[in-house]
Amino acid sequence: MKHPVDVHVGKRIRHRRWMVGMTQQQLAEKVGIKFQQIQKYETGMNRVSASRLWDIAETLEVPVNFFFEGIDDAGAQERVAGAAMPGDIMADKEAMELVRSYYAIPENQRRRLFELARVLSDAA
């Protein structure tokens, strides 16, 4: 049976990998393992060792604690066990694509787009 923490860490690996536009194969090659192992990590089927998580964090350019964010709040165990955490907008593929595209925009234009989005959401 999958442990909820392993599932959460796997989802965070997948989200970050997707955000930086990296395939499972590319991540696996950089970490020195087979892509099937990355698949198992991302689904929570296999637990990620501390040293492997360190390597993955370095490759994806995030601190190790990034993979545990959101797991320590109240009721996290129950939400992690479900398919998609309530309020976990990053579980939505469209949202992930939007965020990745957003960060590809030059910073000064991105700030203007952010302000526009804020105004539009306030008007809705």
PDB file of N, CA and C in Angstrom:
ATOM      1  N   MET A   1       0.838  -1.189   0.000  1.00  0.00           N
ATOM      2  CA  MET A   1       0.000   0.000   0.000  1.00  0.00           C
ATOM      3  C   MET A   1       0.881   1.250   0.000  1.00  0.00           C
ATOM      4  N   LYS A   2       0.488   2.236  -0.782  1.00  0.00           N
ATOM      5  CA  LYS A   2       1.250   3.481  -0.876  1.00  0.00           C
ATOM      6  C   LYS A   2       1.099   4.284   0.409  1.00  0.00           C
ATOM      7  N   HIS A   3       2.196   4.849   0.852  1.00  0.00           N
ATOM      8  CA  HIS A   3       2.147   5.739   2.010  1.00  0.00           C
ATOM      9  C   HIS A   3       1.795   7.138   1.502  1.00  0.00           C
ATOM     10  N   PRO A   4       0.882   7.840   2.177  1.00  0.00           N
ATOM     11  CA  PRO A   4       0.464   9.176   1.722  1.00  0.00           C
ATOM     12  C   PRO A   4       1.620  10.162   1.541  1.00  0.00           C
ATOM     13  N   VAL A   5       2.644  10.066   2.369  1.00  0.00           N
ATOM     14  CA  VAL A   5       3.784  10.979   2.231  1.00  0.00           C
ATOM     15  C   VAL A   5       4.541  10.677   0.943  1.00  0.00           C
ATOM     16  N   ASP A   6       4.700   9.394   0.603  1.00  0.00           N
ATOM     17  CA  ASP A   6       5.379   9.029  -0.641  1.00  0.00           C
ATOM     18  C   ASP A   6       4.596   9.524  -1.852  1.00  0.00           C
ATOM     19  N   VAL A   7       3.282   9.445  -1.770  1.00  0.00           N
ATOM     20  CA  VAL A   7       2.422   9.939  -2.857  1.00  0.00           C
ATOM     21  C   VAL A   7       2.591  11.452  -2.995  1.00  0.00           C
ATOM     22  N   HIS A   8       2.598  12.160  -1.867  1.00  0.00           N
ATOM     23  CA  HIS A   8       2.751  13.614  -1.891  1.00  0.00           C
ATOM     24  C   HIS A   8       4.102  14.012  -2.484  1.00  0.00           C
ATOM     25  N   VAL A   9       5.172  13.387  -2.028  1.00  0.00           N
ATOM     26  CA  VAL A   9       6.510  13.690  -2.535  1.00  0.00           C
ATOM     27  C   VAL A   9       6.564  13.407  -4.034  1.00  0.00           C
ATOM     28  N   GLY A  10       5.980  12.296  -4.454  1.00  0.00           N
ATOM     29  CA  GLY A  10       5.959  11.949  -5.875  1.00  0.00           C
ATOM     30  C   GLY A  10       5.236  12.984  -6.712  1.00  0.00           C
ATOM     31  N   LYS A  11       4.113  13.473  -6.210  1.00  0.00           N
ATOM     32  CA  LYS A  11       3.364  14.512  -6.928  1.00  0.00           C
ATOM     33  C   LYS A  11       4.184  15.787  -7.047  1.00  0.00           C
ATOM     34  N   ARG A  12       4.893  16.116  -5.981  1.00  0.00           N
ATOM     35  CA  ARG A  12       5.720  17.330  -6.006  1.00  0.00           C
ATOM     36  C   ARG A  12       6.880  17.177  -6.994  1.00  0.00           C
ATOM     37  N   ILE A  13       7.452  15.978  -7.071  1.00  0.00           N
ATOM     38  CA  ILE A  13       8.505  15.726  -8.060  1.00  0.00           C
ATOM     39  C   ILE A  13       7.932  15.923  -9.464  1.00  0.00           C
ATOM     40  N   ARG A  14       6.783  15.297  -9.726  1.00  0.00           N
ATOM     41  CA  ARG A  14       6.160  15.393 -11.044  1.00  0.00           C
ATOM     42  C   ARG A  14       5.832  16.851 -11.384  1.00  0.00           C
ATOM     43  N   HIS A  15       5.244  17.581 -10.442  1.00  0.00           N
ATOM     44  CA  HIS A  15       4.878  18.978 -10.700  1.00  0.00           C
ATOM     45  C   HIS A  15       6.100  19.821 -11.028  1.00  0.00           C
ATOM     46  N   ARG A  16       7.143  19.671 -10.239  1.00  0.00           N
ATOM     47  CA  ARG A  16       8.343  20.481 -10.477  1.00  0.00           C
ATOM     48  C   ARG A  16       9.001  20.095 -11.804  1.00  0.00           C
ATOM     49  N   ARG A  17       9.079  18.795 -12.077  1.00  0.00           N
ATOM     50  CA  ARG A  17       9.666  18.327 -13.333  1.00  0.00           C
ATOM     51  C   ARG A  17       8.903  18.925 -14.507  1.00  0.00           C
ATOM     52  N   TRP A  18       7.591  18.910 -14.399  1.00  0.00           N
ATOM     53  CA  TRP A  18       6.745  19.435 -15.463  1.00  0.00           C
ATOM     54  C   TRP A  18       6.926  20.950 -15.591  1.00  0.00           C
ATOM     55  N   MET A  19       7.054  21.635 -14.465  1.00  0.00           N
ATOM     56  CA  MET A  19       7.216  23.090 -14.467  1.00  0.00           C
ATOM     57  C   MET A  19       8.488  23.520 -15.198  1.00  0.00           C
ATOM     58  N   VAL A  20       9.546  22.745 -15.042  1.00  0.00           N
ATOM     59  CA  VAL A  20      10.798  23.115 -15.699  1.00  0.00           C
ATOM     60  C   VAL A  20      10.893  22.536 -17.104  1.00  0.00           C
ATOM     61  N   GLY A  21       9.846  21.812 -17.538  1.00  0.00           N
ATOM     62  CA  GLY A  21       9.813  21.286 -18.892  1.00  0.00           C
ATOM     63  C   GLY A  21      10.731  20.107 -19.131  1.00  0.00           C
ATOM     64  N   MET A  22      10.899  19.291 -18.118  1.00  0.00           N
ATOM     65  CA  MET A  22      11.794  18.140 -18.212  1.00  0.00           C
ATOM     66  C   MET A  22      10.973  16.856 -18.314  1.00  0.00           C
ATOM     67  N   THR A  23      11.418  15.932 -19.144  1.00  0.00           N
ATOM     68  CA  THR A  23      10.747  14.637 -19.247  1.00  0.00           C
ATOM     69  C   THR A  23      11.247  13.707 -18.149  1.00  0.00           C
ATOM     70  N   GLN A  24      10.518  12.629 -17.943  1.00  0.00           N
ATOM     71  CA  GLN A  24      10.973  11.618 -16.978  1.00  0.00           C
ATOM     72  C   GLN A  24      12.326  11.069 -17.404  1.00  0.00           C
ATOM     73  N   GLN A  25      12.504  10.865 -18.695  1.00  0.00           N
ATOM     74  CA  GLN A  25      13.770  10.339 -19.219  1.00  0.00           C
ATOM     75  C   GLN A  25      14.924  11.288 -18.918  1.00  0.00           C
ATOM     76  N   GLN A  26      14.709  12.580 -19.134  1.00  0.00           N
ATOM     77  CA  GLN A  26      15.766  13.569 -18.878  1.00  0.00           C
ATOM     78  C   GLN A  26      16.133  13.610 -17.405  1.00  0.00           C
ATOM     79  N   LEU A  27      15.122  13.596 -16.541  1.00  0.00           N
ATOM     80  CA  LEU A  27      15.396  13.609 -15.107  1.00  0.00           C
ATOM     81  C   LEU A  27      16.150  12.349 -14.700  1.00  0.00           C
ATOM     82  N   ALA A  28      15.701  11.225 -15.201  1.00  0.00           N
ATOM     83  CA  ALA A  28      16.353   9.950 -14.871  1.00  0.00           C
ATOM     84  C   ALA A  28      17.821   9.956 -15.291  1.00  0.00           C
ATOM     85  N   GLU A  29      18.103  10.445 -16.483  1.00  0.00           N
ATOM     86  CA  GLU A  29      19.483  10.482 -16.972  1.00  0.00           C
ATOM     87  C   GLU A  29      20.355  11.373 -16.096  1.00  0.00           C
ATOM     88  N   LYS A  30      19.822  12.514 -15.697  1.00  0.00           N
ATOM     89  CA  LYS A  30      20.599  13.451 -14.877  1.00  0.00           C
ATOM     90  C   LYS A  30      20.852  12.903 -13.477  1.00  0.00           C
ATOM     91  N   VAL A  31      19.915  12.076 -12.989  1.00  0.00           N
ATOM     92  CA  VAL A  31      20.048  11.520 -11.646  1.00  0.00           C
ATOM     93  C   VAL A  31      20.802  10.180 -11.683  1.00  0.00           C
ATOM     94  N   GLY A  32      20.866   9.567 -12.870  1.00  0.00           N
ATOM     95  CA  GLY A  32      21.604   8.319 -13.019  1.00  0.00           C
ATOM     96  C   GLY A  32      20.784   7.067 -12.765  1.00  0.00           C
ATOM     97  N   ILE A  33      19.483   7.114 -13.107  1.00  0.00           N
ATOM     98  CA  ILE A  33      18.616   5.954 -12.935  1.00  0.00           C
ATOM     99  C   ILE A  33      17.771   5.767 -14.198  1.00  0.00           C
ATOM    100  N   LYS A  34      16.955   4.728 -14.220  1.00  0.00           N
ATOM    101  CA  LYS A  34      16.056   4.469 -15.354  1.00  0.00           C
ATOM    102  C   LYS A  34      14.786   5.305 -15.197  1.00  0.00           C
ATOM    103  N   PHE A  35      14.179   5.665 -16.329  1.00  0.00           N
ATOM    104  CA  PHE A  35      12.978   6.503 -16.260  1.00  0.00           C
ATOM    105  C   PHE A  35      11.831   5.777 -15.567  1.00  0.00           C
ATOM    106  N   GLN A  36      11.830   4.435 -15.611  1.00  0.00           N
ATOM    107  CA  GLN A  36      10.771   3.685 -14.930  1.00  0.00           C
ATOM    108  C   GLN A  36      10.796   3.940 -13.420  1.00  0.00           C
ATOM    109  N   GLN A  37      11.997   4.160 -12.899  1.00  0.00           N
ATOM    110  CA  GLN A  37      12.117   4.454 -11.469  1.00  0.00           C
ATOM    111  C   GLN A  37      11.494   5.808 -11.158  1.00  0.00           C
ATOM    112  N   ILE A  38      11.689   6.779 -12.042  1.00  0.00           N
ATOM    113  CA  ILE A  38      11.060   8.089 -11.859  1.00  0.00           C
ATOM    114  C   ILE A  38       9.546   7.925 -11.861  1.00  0.00           C
ATOM    115  N   GLN A  39       9.023   7.097 -12.771  1.00  0.00           N
ATOM    116  CA  GLN A  39       7.577   6.832 -12.808  1.00  0.00           C
ATOM    117  C   GLN A  39       7.100   6.290 -11.470  1.00  0.00           C
ATOM    118  N   LYS A  40       7.835   5.368 -10.909  1.00  0.00           N
ATOM    119  CA  LYS A  40       7.446   4.767  -9.626  1.00  0.00           C
ATOM    120  C   LYS A  40       7.507   5.791  -8.492  1.00  0.00           C
ATOM    121  N   TYR A  41       8.520   6.654  -8.519  1.00  0.00           N
ATOM    122  CA  TYR A  41       8.594   7.708  -7.507  1.00  0.00           C
ATOM    123  C   TYR A  41       7.394   8.642  -7.628  1.00  0.00           C
ATOM    124  N   GLU A  42       7.081   9.052  -8.851  1.00  0.00           N
ATOM    125  CA  GLU A  42       6.021  10.036  -9.067  1.00  0.00           C
ATOM    126  C   GLU A  42       4.635   9.511  -8.702  1.00  0.00           C
ATOM    127  N   THR A  43       4.438   8.217  -8.762  1.00  0.00           N
ATOM    128  CA  THR A  43       3.143   7.647  -8.378  1.00  0.00           C
ATOM    129  C   THR A  43       3.103   7.251  -6.913  1.00  0.00           C
ATOM    130  N   GLY A  44       4.249   7.298  -6.239  1.00  0.00           N
ATOM    131  CA  GLY A  44       4.305   6.893  -4.843  1.00  0.00           C
ATOM    132  C   GLY A  44       4.457   5.395  -4.659  1.00  0.00           C
ATOM    133  N   MET A  45       4.621   4.661  -5.754  1.00  0.00           N
ATOM    134  CA  MET A  45       4.800   3.204  -5.658  1.00  0.00           C
ATOM    135  C   MET A  45       6.111   2.864  -4.960  1.00  0.00           C
ATOM    136  N   ASN A  46       7.151   3.630  -5.243  1.00  0.00           N
ATOM    137  CA  ASN A  46       8.446   3.435  -4.584  1.00  0.00           C
ATOM    138  C   ASN A  46       8.781   4.657  -3.749  1.00  0.00           C
ATOM    139  N   ARG A  47       9.356   4.411  -2.606  1.00  0.00           N
ATOM    140  CA  ARG A  47       9.792   5.485  -1.717  1.00  0.00           C
ATOM    141  C   ARG A  47      11.136   6.018  -2.204  1.00  0.00           C
ATOM    142  N   VAL A  48      11.305   7.331  -2.179  1.00  0.00           N
ATOM    143  CA  VAL A  48      12.548   7.960  -2.614  1.00  0.00           C
ATOM    144  C   VAL A  48      13.500   8.026  -1.423  1.00  0.00           C
ATOM    145  N   SER A  49      14.714   7.508  -1.602  1.00  0.00           N
ATOM    146  CA  SER A  49      15.701   7.577  -0.525  1.00  0.00           C
ATOM    147  C   SER A  49      16.154   9.027  -0.346  1.00  0.00           C
ATOM    148  N   ALA A  50      16.734   9.305   0.799  1.00  0.00           N
ATOM    149  CA  ALA A  50      17.184  10.671   1.100  1.00  0.00           C
ATOM    150  C   ALA A  50      18.228  11.140   0.098  1.00  0.00           C
ATOM    151  N   SER A  51      19.188  10.286  -0.232  1.00  0.00           N
ATOM    152  CA  SER A  51      20.240  10.696  -1.169  1.00  0.00           C
ATOM    153  C   SER A  51      19.681  10.904  -2.573  1.00  0.00           C
ATOM    154  N   ARG A  52      18.723  10.078  -2.983  1.00  0.00           N
ATOM    155  CA  ARG A  52      18.118  10.223  -4.306  1.00  0.00           C
ATOM    156  C   ARG A  52      17.265  11.498  -4.345  1.00  0.00           C
ATOM    157  N   LEU A  53      16.549  11.777  -3.260  1.00  0.00           N
ATOM    158  CA  LEU A  53      15.748  12.995  -3.208  1.00  0.00           C
ATOM    159  C   LEU A  53      16.650  14.224  -3.286  1.00  0.00           C
ATOM    160  N   TRP A  54      17.806  14.139  -2.657  1.00  0.00           N
ATOM    161  CA  TRP A  54      18.791  15.217  -2.727  1.00  0.00           C
ATOM    162  C   TRP A  54      19.219  15.454  -4.172  1.00  0.00           C
ATOM    163  N   ASP A  55      19.526  14.362  -4.893  1.00  0.00           N
ATOM    164  CA  ASP A  55      19.939  14.466  -6.293  1.00  0.00           C
ATOM    165  C   ASP A  55      18.818  15.040  -7.161  1.00  0.00           C
ATOM    166  N   ILE A  56      17.600  14.605  -6.912  1.00  0.00           N
ATOM    167  CA  ILE A  56      16.450  15.099  -7.674  1.00  0.00           C
ATOM    168  C   ILE A  56      16.247  16.588  -7.400  1.00  0.00           C
ATOM    169  N   ALA A  57      16.366  16.979  -6.141  1.00  0.00           N
ATOM    170  CA  ALA A  57      16.214  18.393  -5.774  1.00  0.00           C
ATOM    171  C   ALA A  57      17.260  19.257  -6.469  1.00  0.00           C
ATOM    172  N   GLU A  58      18.493  18.794  -6.487  1.00  0.00           N
ATOM    173  CA  GLU A  58      19.553  19.555  -7.161  1.00  0.00           C
ATOM    174  C   GLU A  58      19.278  19.661  -8.654  1.00  0.00           C
ATOM    175  N   THR A  59      18.847  18.574  -9.263  1.00  0.00           N
ATOM    176  CA  THR A  59      18.561  18.564 -10.694  1.00  0.00           C
ATOM    177  C   THR A  59      17.401  19.488 -11.030  1.00  0.00           C
ATOM    178  N   LEU A  60      16.369  19.503 -10.185  1.00  0.00           N
ATOM    179  CA  LEU A  60      15.187  20.332 -10.428  1.00  0.00           C
ATOM    180  C   LEU A  60      15.334  21.735  -9.834  1.00  0.00           C
ATOM    181  N   GLU A  61      16.492  22.007  -9.225  1.00  0.00           N
ATOM    182  CA  GLU A  61      16.834  23.318  -8.687  1.00  0.00           C
ATOM    183  C   GLU A  61      15.843  23.828  -7.644  1.00  0.00           C
ATOM    184  N   VAL A  62      15.550  22.960  -6.680  1.00  0.00           N
ATOM    185  CA  VAL A  62      14.708  23.334  -5.541  1.00  0.00           C
ATOM    186  C   VAL A  62      15.350  22.768  -4.275  1.00  0.00           C
ATOM    187  N   PRO A  63      15.048  23.355  -3.106  1.00  0.00           N
ATOM    188  CA  PRO A  63      15.528  22.758  -1.861  1.00  0.00           C
ATOM    189  C   PRO A  63      14.759  21.465  -1.580  1.00  0.00           C
ATOM    190  N   VAL A  64      15.342  20.559  -0.840  1.00  0.00           N
ATOM    191  CA  VAL A  64      14.711  19.273  -0.549  1.00  0.00           C
ATOM    192  C   VAL A  64      13.352  19.470   0.125  1.00  0.00           C
ATOM    193  N   ASN A  65      13.236  20.469   0.986  1.00  0.00           N
ATOM    194  CA  ASN A  65      11.962  20.666   1.692  1.00  0.00           C
ATOM    195  C   ASN A  65      10.816  21.045   0.761  1.00  0.00           C
ATOM    196  N   PHE A  66      11.126  21.439  -0.473  1.00  0.00           N
ATOM    197  CA  PHE A  66      10.087  21.729  -1.466  1.00  0.00           C
ATOM    198  C   PHE A  66       9.135  20.545  -1.621  1.00  0.00           C
ATOM    199  N   PHE A  67       9.667  19.340  -1.573  1.00  0.00           N
ATOM    200  CA  PHE A  67       8.866  18.136  -1.811  1.00  0.00           C
ATOM    201  C   PHE A  67       7.917  17.817  -0.658  1.00  0.00           C
ATOM    202  N   PHE A  68       8.138  18.451   0.489  1.00  0.00           N
ATOM    203  CA  PHE A  68       7.287  18.203   1.654  1.00  0.00           C
ATOM    204  C   PHE A  68       6.335  19.349   1.950  1.00  0.00           C
ATOM    205  N   GLU A  69       6.424  20.421   1.186  1.00  0.00           N
ATOM    206  CA  GLU A  69       5.543  21.568   1.423  1.00  0.00           C
ATOM    207  C   GLU A  69       4.085  21.152   1.304  1.00  0.00           C
ATOM    208  N   GLY A  70       3.279  21.622   2.241  1.00  0.00           N
ATOM    209  CA  GLY A  70       1.849  21.341   2.208  1.00  0.00           C
ATOM    210  C   GLY A  70       1.444  20.060   2.897  1.00  0.00           C
ATOM    211  N   ILE A  71       2.404  19.285   3.372  1.00  0.00           N
ATOM    212  CA  ILE A  71       2.057  18.002   3.985  1.00  0.00           C
ATOM    213  C   ILE A  71       1.845  18.123   5.489  1.00  0.00           C
ATOM    214  N   ASP A  72       2.320  19.196   6.095  1.00  0.00           N
ATOM    215  CA  ASP A  72       2.273  19.292   7.556  1.00  0.00           C
ATOM    216  C   ASP A  72       1.080  20.061   8.099  1.00  0.00           C
ATOM    217  N   ASP A  73       0.204  20.552   7.232  1.00  0.00           N
ATOM    218  CA  ASP A  73      -0.947  21.266   7.759  1.00  0.00           C
ATOM    219  C   ASP A  73      -2.046  20.299   8.188  1.00  0.00           C
ATOM    220  N   ALA A  74      -3.033  20.799   8.862  1.00  0.00           N
ATOM    221  CA  ALA A  74      -4.095  19.953   9.425  1.00  0.00           C
ATOM    222  C   ALA A  74      -4.825  19.179   8.340  1.00  0.00           C
ATOM    223  N   GLY A  75      -4.995  17.884   8.561  1.00  0.00           N
ATOM    224  CA  GLY A  75      -5.742  17.042   7.638  1.00  0.00           C
ATOM    225  C   GLY A  75      -4.993  16.656   6.382  1.00  0.00           C
ATOM    226  N   ALA A  76      -3.703  16.925   6.320  1.00  0.00           N
ATOM    227  CA  ALA A  76      -2.947  16.649   5.093  1.00  0.00           C
ATOM    228  C   ALA A  76      -2.927  15.174   4.753  1.00  0.00           C
ATOM    229  N   GLN A  77      -2.845  14.316   5.744  1.00  0.00           N
ATOM    230  CA  GLN A  77      -2.790  12.879   5.471  1.00  0.00           C
ATOM    231  C   GLN A  77      -4.014  12.427   4.687  1.00  0.00           C
ATOM    232  N   GLU A  78      -5.184  12.908   5.071  1.00  0.00           N
ATOM    233  CA  GLU A  78      -6.409  12.508   4.381  1.00  0.00           C
ATOM    234  C   GLU A  78      -6.457  13.077   2.966  1.00  0.00           C
ATOM    235  N   ARG A  79      -6.034  14.326   2.795  1.00  0.00           N
ATOM    236  CA  ARG A  79      -6.064  14.942   1.475  1.00  0.00           C
ATOM    237  C   ARG A  79      -5.054  14.297   0.539  1.00  0.00           C
ATOM    238  N   VAL A  80      -3.875  13.970   1.058  1.00  0.00           N
ATOM    239  CA  VAL A  80      -2.850  13.360   0.223  1.00  0.00           C
ATOM    240  C   VAL A  80      -3.315  12.006  -0.271  1.00  0.00           C
ATOM    241  N   ALA A  81      -4.051  11.279   0.544  1.00  0.00           N
ATOM    242  CA  ALA A  81      -4.514   9.953   0.154  1.00  0.00           C
ATOM    243  C   ALA A  81      -5.527  10.019  -0.983  1.00  0.00           C
ATOM    244  N   GLY A  82      -6.199  11.152  -1.166  1.00  0.00           N
ATOM    245  CA  GLY A  82      -7.180  11.309  -2.239  1.00  0.00           C
ATOM    246  C   GLY A  82      -6.507  11.571  -3.570  1.00  0.00           C
ATOM    247  N   ALA A  83      -7.284  11.569  -4.637  1.00  0.00           N
ATOM    248  CA  ALA A  83      -6.736  11.740  -5.987  1.00  0.00           C
ATOM    249  C   ALA A  83      -6.100  13.118  -6.163  1.00  0.00           C
ATOM    250  N   ALA A  84      -6.833  14.165  -5.852  1.00  0.00           N
ATOM    251  CA  ALA A  84      -6.293  15.515  -5.959  1.00  0.00           C
ATOM    252  C   ALA A  84      -6.669  16.264  -4.694  1.00  0.00           C
ATOM    253  N   MET A  85      -5.698  16.919  -4.102  1.00  0.00           N
ATOM    254  CA  MET A  85      -5.949  17.636  -2.864  1.00  0.00           C
ATOM    255  C   MET A  85      -6.866  18.819  -3.122  1.00  0.00           C
ATOM    256  N   PRO A  86      -7.875  19.026  -2.269  1.00  0.00           N
ATOM    257  CA  PRO A  86      -8.718  20.208  -2.436  1.00  0.00           C
ATOM    258  C   PRO A  86      -7.846  21.453  -2.394  1.00  0.00           C
ATOM    259  N   GLY A  87      -8.072  22.327  -3.330  1.00  0.00           N
ATOM    260  CA  GLY A  87      -7.285  23.544  -3.373  1.00  0.00           C
ATOM    261  C   GLY A  87      -5.915  23.363  -3.991  1.00  0.00           C
ATOM    262  N   ASP A  88      -5.581  22.139  -4.403  1.00  0.00           N
ATOM    263  CA  ASP A  88      -4.292  21.902  -5.034  1.00  0.00           C
ATOM    264  C   ASP A  88      -4.420  22.187  -6.516  1.00  0.00           C
ATOM    265  N   ILE A  89      -4.398  23.445  -6.852  1.00  0.00           N
ATOM    266  CA  ILE A  89      -4.590  23.867  -8.231  1.00  0.00           C
ATOM    267  C   ILE A  89      -3.502  23.305  -9.128  1.00  0.00           C
ATOM    268  N   MET A  90      -2.338  23.017  -8.576  1.00  0.00           N
ATOM    269  CA  MET A  90      -1.245  22.512  -9.381  1.00  0.00           C
ATOM    270  C   MET A  90      -1.445  21.058  -9.804  1.00  0.00           C
ATOM    271  N   ALA A  91      -2.504  20.425  -9.340  1.00  0.00           N
ATOM    272  CA  ALA A  91      -2.827  19.080  -9.803  1.00  0.00           C
ATOM    273  C   ALA A  91      -3.515  19.146 -11.162  1.00  0.00           C
ATOM    274  N   ASP A  92      -3.935  20.333 -11.566  1.00  0.00           N
ATOM    275  CA  ASP A  92      -4.616  20.522 -12.841  1.00  0.00           C
ATOM    276  C   ASP A  92      -3.581  20.815 -13.921  1.00  0.00           C
ATOM    277  N   LYS A  93      -3.589  20.005 -14.985  1.00  0.00           N
ATOM    278  CA  LYS A  93      -2.590  20.136 -16.046  1.00  0.00           C
ATOM    279  C   LYS A  93      -2.656  21.510 -16.722  1.00  0.00           C
ATOM    280  N   GLU A  94      -3.873  22.028 -16.918  1.00  0.00           N
ATOM    281  CA  GLU A  94      -4.029  23.341 -17.539  1.00  0.00           C
ATOM    282  C   GLU A  94      -3.393  24.426 -16.669  1.00  0.00           C
ATOM    283  N   ALA A  95      -3.579  24.323 -15.366  1.00  0.00           N
ATOM    284  CA  ALA A  95      -2.989  25.307 -14.457  1.00  0.00           C
ATOM    285  C   ALA A  95      -1.466  25.239 -14.500  1.00  0.00           C
ATOM    286  N   MET A  96      -0.945  24.028 -14.549  1.00  0.00           N
ATOM    287  CA  MET A  96       0.509  23.859 -14.623  1.00  0.00           C
ATOM    288  C   MET A  96       1.057  24.481 -15.905  1.00  0.00           C
ATOM    289  N   GLU A  97       0.362  24.270 -17.011  1.00  0.00           N
ATOM    290  CA  GLU A  97       0.809  24.835 -18.287  1.00  0.00           C
ATOM    291  C   GLU A  97       0.745  26.349 -18.250  1.00  0.00           C
ATOM    292  N   LEU A  98      -0.294  26.890 -17.637  1.00  0.00           N
ATOM    293  CA  LEU A  98      -0.439  28.336 -17.511  1.00  0.00           C
ATOM    294  C   LEU A  98       0.704  28.922 -16.680  1.00  0.00           C
ATOM    295  N   VAL A  99       1.037  28.288 -15.580  1.00  0.00           N
ATOM    296  CA  VAL A  99       2.114  28.782 -14.718  1.00  0.00           C
ATOM    297  C   VAL A  99       3.454  28.730 -15.449  1.00  0.00           C
ATOM    298  N   ARG A 100       3.700  27.636 -16.149  1.00  0.00           N
ATOM    299  CA  ARG A 100       4.963  27.521 -16.885  1.00  0.00           C
ATOM    300  C   ARG A 100       5.044  28.602 -17.963  1.00  0.00           C
ATOM    301  N   SER A 101       3.961  28.832 -18.667  1.00  0.00           N
ATOM    302  CA  SER A 101       3.942  29.879 -19.697  1.00  0.00           C
ATOM    303  C   SER A 101       4.126  31.253 -19.072  1.00  0.00           C
ATOM    304  N   TYR A 102       3.482  31.470 -17.936  1.00  0.00           N
ATOM    305  CA  TYR A 102       3.579  32.750 -17.220  1.00  0.00           C
ATOM    306  C   TYR A 102       5.036  33.074 -16.894  1.00  0.00           C
ATOM    307  N   TYR A 103       5.776  32.092 -16.383  1.00  0.00           N
ATOM    308  CA  TYR A 103       7.162  32.344 -16.000  1.00  0.00           C
ATOM    309  C   TYR A 103       8.106  32.426 -17.194  1.00  0.00           C
ATOM    310  N   ALA A 104       7.625  32.098 -18.375  1.00  0.00           N
ATOM    311  CA  ALA A 104       8.428  32.247 -19.591  1.00  0.00           C
ATOM    312  C   ALA A 104       8.364  33.687 -20.126  1.00  0.00           C
ATOM    313  N   ILE A 105       7.425  34.472 -19.618  1.00  0.00           N
ATOM    314  CA  ILE A 105       7.253  35.871 -20.037  1.00  0.00           C
ATOM    315  C   ILE A 105       8.297  36.725 -19.317  1.00  0.00           C
ATOM    316  N   PRO A 106       8.888  37.704 -20.007  1.00  0.00           N
ATOM    317  CA  PRO A 106       9.848  38.605 -19.342  1.00  0.00           C
ATOM    318  C   PRO A 106       9.221  39.255 -18.101  1.00  0.00           C
ATOM    319  N   GLU A 107      10.045  39.491 -17.097  1.00  0.00           N
ATOM    320  CA  GLU A 107       9.555  39.921 -15.781  1.00  0.00           C
ATOM    321  C   GLU A 107       8.686  41.168 -15.812  1.00  0.00           C
ATOM    322  N   ASN A 108       9.093  42.210 -16.541  1.00  0.00           N
ATOM    323  CA  ASN A 108       8.293  43.451 -16.538  1.00  0.00           C
ATOM    324  C   ASN A 108       6.919  43.219 -17.166  1.00  0.00           C
ATOM    325  N   GLN A 109       6.842  42.434 -18.217  1.00  0.00           N
ATOM    326  CA  GLN A 109       5.552  42.112 -18.828  1.00  0.00           C
ATOM    327  C   GLN A 109       4.740  41.186 -17.925  1.00  0.00           C
ATOM    328  N   ARG A 110       5.445  40.281 -17.233  1.00  0.00           N
ATOM    329  CA  ARG A 110       4.770  39.350 -16.320  1.00  0.00           C
ATOM    330  C   ARG A 110       4.078  40.116 -15.201  1.00  0.00           C
ATOM    331  N   ARG A 111       4.725  41.131 -14.659  1.00  0.00           N
ATOM    332  CA  ARG A 111       4.106  41.930 -13.596  1.00  0.00           C
ATOM    333  C   ARG A 111       2.849  42.630 -14.090  1.00  0.00           C
ATOM    334  N   ARG A 112       2.911  43.145 -15.317  1.00  0.00           N
ATOM    335  CA  ARG A 112       1.736  43.814 -15.884  1.00  0.00           C
ATOM    336  C   ARG A 112       0.602  42.816 -16.108  1.00  0.00           C
ATOM    337  N   LEU A 113       0.945  41.625 -16.579  1.00  0.00           N
ATOM    338  CA  LEU A 113      -0.058  40.582 -16.777  1.00  0.00           C
ATOM    339  C   LEU A 113      -0.680  40.170 -15.446  1.00  0.00           C
ATOM    340  N   PHE A 114       0.143  40.078 -14.419  1.00  0.00           N
ATOM    341  CA  PHE A 114      -0.347  39.736 -13.089  1.00  0.00           C
ATOM    342  C   PHE A 114      -1.353  40.773 -12.596  1.00  0.00           C
ATOM    343  N   GLU A 115      -1.022  42.035 -12.755  1.00  0.00           N
ATOM    344  CA  GLU A 115      -1.932  43.101 -12.336  1.00  0.00           C
ATOM    345  C   GLU A 115      -3.238  43.043 -13.126  1.00  0.00           C
ATOM    346  N   LEU A 116      -3.149  42.764 -14.422  1.00  0.00           N
ATOM    347  CA  LEU A 116      -4.354  42.625 -15.239  1.00  0.00           C
ATOM    348  C   LEU A 116      -5.209  41.482 -14.727  1.00  0.00           C
ATOM    349  N   ALA A 117      -4.592  40.353 -14.458  1.00  0.00           N
ATOM    350  CA  ALA A 117      -5.336  39.191 -13.951  1.00  0.00           C
ATOM    351  C   ALA A 117      -5.991  39.504 -12.616  1.00  0.00           C
ATOM    352  N   ARG A 118      -5.298  40.222 -11.769  1.00  0.00           N
ATOM    353  CA  ARG A 118      -5.858  40.598 -10.462  1.00  0.00           C
ATOM    354  C   ARG A 118      -7.093  41.475 -10.639  1.00  0.00           C
ATOM    355  N   VAL A 119      -7.014  42.461 -11.521  1.00  0.00           N
ATOM    356  CA  VAL A 119      -8.139  43.347 -11.783  1.00  0.00           C
ATOM    357  C   VAL A 119      -9.319  42.558 -12.352  1.00  0.00           C
ATOM    358  N   LEU A 120      -9.045  41.679 -13.299  1.00  0.00           N
ATOM    359  CA  LEU A 120     -10.112  40.881 -13.899  1.00  0.00           C
ATOM    360  C   LEU A 120     -10.763  39.945 -12.884  1.00  0.00           C
ATOM    361  N   SER A 121      -9.971  39.373 -11.998  1.00  0.00           N
ATOM    362  CA  SER A 121     -10.564  38.467 -10.994  1.00  0.00           C
ATOM    363  C   SER A 121     -11.389  39.228  -9.966  1.00  0.00           C
ATOM    364  N   ASP A 122     -10.995  40.459  -9.655  1.00  0.00           N
ATOM    365  CA  ASP A 122     -11.782  41.283  -8.736  1.00  0.00           C
ATOM    366  C   ASP A 122     -13.107  41.690  -9.358  1.00  0.00           C
ATOM    367  N   ALA A 123     -13.104  41.859 -10.685  1.00  0.00           N
ATOM    368  CA  ALA A 123     -14.328  42.277 -11.378  1.00  0.00           C
ATOM    369  C   ALA A 123     -15.305  41.118 -11.562  1.00  0.00           C
ATOM    370  N   ALA A 124     -14.814  39.897 -11.496  1.00  0.00           N
ATOM    371  CA  ALA A 124     -15.685  38.721 -11.751  1.00  0.00           C
ATOM    372  C   ALA A 124     -16.620  38.417 -10.636  1.00  0.00           C
TER     373      ALA A 124
END
